[in-house]
Amino acid sequence: MQLPRCLATTLICCVLAFQPAQATEKQDTISKKQAVKLATDKYSGKTLKISKQGEYYIVRILLDDGRIIDLKVHQVTGEVKKD
């Protein structure tokens, strides 16, 4: 009777050892103010609007030449992409 109990214990240990670790801490995110700063550093102009969309802030900027552009700023990395 000892062998089945030993096998069960070994199996449970193996299953627990190979489960992916759960992330307990939330990743730091940048603020809306920081997102605007990152976006306007890349494209100068007046900020018209900022909103959240998934993992990104969408920053709408009125450029000095009169064009309007939307920039995506990643909430964790701060990467700026032109939409």
C-alpha atoms as a PDB file:
ATOM      1  CA  MET A   1       0.000   0.000   0.000  1.00  0.00           C
ATOM      2  CA  GLN A   2       2.968   2.339   0.380  1.00  0.00           C
ATOM      3  CA  LEU A   3       3.838   2.326  -3.332  1.00  0.00           C
ATOM      4  CA  PRO A   4       0.550   3.889  -4.615  1.00  0.00           C
ATOM      5  CA  ARG A   5       0.749   6.617  -1.943  1.00  0.00           C
ATOM      6  CA  CYS A   6       4.381   7.332  -2.896  1.00  0.00           C
ATOM      7  CA  LEU A   7       3.469   7.502  -6.600  1.00  0.00           C
ATOM      8  CA  ALA A   8       0.561   9.840  -5.891  1.00  0.00           C
ATOM      9  CA  THR A   9       2.787  12.141  -3.845  1.00  0.00           C
ATOM     10  CA  THR A  10       5.435  12.169  -6.567  1.00  0.00           C
ATOM     11  CA  LEU A  11       2.825  12.920  -9.230  1.00  0.00           C
ATOM     12  CA  ILE A  12       1.391  15.831  -7.232  1.00  0.00           C
ATOM     13  CA  CYS A  13       4.870  17.273  -6.676  1.00  0.00           C
ATOM     14  CA  CYS A  14       5.657  17.037 -10.401  1.00  0.00           C
ATOM     15  CA  VAL A  15       2.403  18.727 -11.394  1.00  0.00           C
ATOM     16  CA  LEU A  16       2.976  21.560  -8.934  1.00  0.00           C
ATOM     17  CA  ALA A  17       6.592  21.989  -9.991  1.00  0.00           C
ATOM     18  CA  PHE A  18       5.739  22.417 -13.667  1.00  0.00           C
ATOM     19  CA  GLN A  19       2.820  24.826 -13.308  1.00  0.00           C
ATOM     20  CA  PRO A  20       3.639  28.334 -14.514  1.00  0.00           C
ATOM     21  CA  ALA A  21       4.134  30.855 -11.740  1.00  0.00           C
ATOM     22  CA  GLN A  22       1.281  33.298 -11.320  1.00  0.00           C
ATOM     23  CA  ALA A  23       2.196  36.966 -11.552  1.00  0.00           C
ATOM     24  CA  THR A  24       1.305  38.479  -8.213  1.00  0.00           C
ATOM     25  CA  GLU A  25       2.519  41.995  -8.857  1.00  0.00           C
ATOM     26  CA  LYS A  26       0.973  44.291 -11.439  1.00  0.00           C
ATOM     27  CA  GLN A  27       3.469  45.775 -13.870  1.00  0.00           C
ATOM     28  CA  ASP A  28       4.172  49.461 -13.375  1.00  0.00           C
ATOM     29  CA  THR A  29       2.330  51.611 -15.868  1.00  0.00           C
ATOM     30  CA  ILE A  30       3.058  55.134 -16.989  1.00  0.00           C
ATOM     31  CA  SER A  31       0.597  57.917 -16.220  1.00  0.00           C
ATOM     32  CA  LYS A  32      -1.445  59.827 -18.785  1.00  0.00           C
ATOM     33  CA  LYS A  33       0.760  62.849 -18.138  1.00  0.00           C
ATOM     34  CA  GLN A  34       3.897  60.804 -18.890  1.00  0.00           C
ATOM     35  CA  ALA A  35       2.269  59.422 -22.052  1.00  0.00           C
ATOM     36  CA  VAL A  36       1.544  62.956 -23.284  1.00  0.00           C
ATOM     37  CA  LYS A  37       5.136  63.988 -22.543  1.00  0.00           C
ATOM     38  CA  LEU A  38       6.537  61.011 -24.482  1.00  0.00           C
ATOM     39  CA  ALA A  39       4.230  61.696 -27.430  1.00  0.00           C
ATOM     40  CA  THR A  40       4.910  65.450 -27.596  1.00  0.00           C
ATOM     41  CA  ASP A  41       8.660  64.863 -27.296  1.00  0.00           C
ATOM     42  CA  LYS A  42       8.435  62.901 -30.536  1.00  0.00           C
ATOM     43  CA  TYR A  43       5.871  65.133 -32.325  1.00  0.00           C
ATOM     44  CA  SER A  44       5.556  68.702 -31.105  1.00  0.00           C
ATOM     45  CA  GLY A  45       2.122  70.263 -30.990  1.00  0.00           C
ATOM     46  CA  LYS A  46      -0.930  70.770 -28.825  1.00  0.00           C
ATOM     47  CA  THR A  47      -2.512  67.766 -27.111  1.00  0.00           C
ATOM     48  CA  LEU A  48      -6.193  67.545 -27.998  1.00  0.00           C
ATOM     49  CA  LYS A  49      -7.252  64.296 -26.339  1.00  0.00           C
ATOM     50  CA  ILE A  50      -5.923  61.262 -24.506  1.00  0.00           C
ATOM     51  CA  SER A  51      -7.749  57.964 -24.041  1.00  0.00           C
ATOM     52  CA  LYS A  52      -7.031  54.355 -23.138  1.00  0.00           C
ATOM     53  CA  GLN A  53      -7.309  51.519 -25.637  1.00  0.00           C
ATOM     54  CA  GLY A  54      -6.151  48.110 -24.492  1.00  0.00           C
ATOM     55  CA  GLU A  55      -2.471  48.314 -23.547  1.00  0.00           C
ATOM     56  CA  TYR A  56      -2.061  51.777 -25.084  1.00  0.00           C
ATOM     57  CA  TYR A  57      -2.850  55.409 -24.441  1.00  0.00           C
ATOM     58  CA  ILE A  58      -4.042  57.138 -27.598  1.00  0.00           C
ATOM     59  CA  VAL A  59      -2.740  60.709 -27.680  1.00  0.00           C
ATOM     60  CA  ARG A  60      -4.300  63.023 -30.288  1.00  0.00           C
ATOM     61  CA  ILE A  61      -2.038  65.925 -31.193  1.00  0.00           C
ATOM     62  CA  LEU A  62      -2.597  69.034 -33.304  1.00  0.00           C
ATOM     63  CA  LEU A  63       0.742  69.509 -35.047  1.00  0.00           C
ATOM     64  CA  ASP A  64       2.265  72.936 -35.640  1.00  0.00           C
ATOM     65  CA  ASP A  65       1.444  72.644 -39.378  1.00  0.00           C
ATOM     66  CA  GLY A  66      -2.290  72.118 -38.642  1.00  0.00           C
ATOM     67  CA  ARG A  67      -2.447  68.335 -39.123  1.00  0.00           C
ATOM     68  CA  ILE A  68      -3.966  66.083 -36.465  1.00  0.00           C
ATOM     69  CA  ILE A  69      -2.304  62.767 -35.633  1.00  0.00           C
ATOM     70  CA  ASP A  70      -3.014  59.951 -33.197  1.00  0.00           C
ATOM     71  CA  LEU A  71      -0.089  58.349 -31.390  1.00  0.00           C
ATOM     72  CA  LYS A  72      -0.136  55.082 -29.453  1.00  0.00           C
ATOM     73  CA  VAL A  73       1.906  55.074 -26.245  1.00  0.00           C
ATOM     74  CA  HIS A  74       2.365  51.666 -24.613  1.00  0.00           C
ATOM     75  CA  GLN A  75       1.270  51.838 -20.962  1.00  0.00           C
ATOM     76  CA  VAL A  76       4.173  49.724 -19.667  1.00  0.00           C
ATOM     77  CA  THR A  77       7.101  50.327 -22.033  1.00  0.00           C
ATOM     78  CA  GLY A  78       6.343  53.923 -23.073  1.00  0.00           C
ATOM     79  CA  GLU A  79       6.969  53.031 -26.719  1.00  0.00           C
ATOM     80  CA  VAL A  80       5.436  55.633 -29.062  1.00  0.00           C
ATOM     81  CA  LYS A  81       3.908  54.536 -32.382  1.00  0.00           C
ATOM     82  CA  LYS A  82       2.176  56.627 -35.019  1.00  0.00           C
ATOM     83  CA  ASP A  83      -1.315  55.243 -35.631  1.00  0.00           C
END
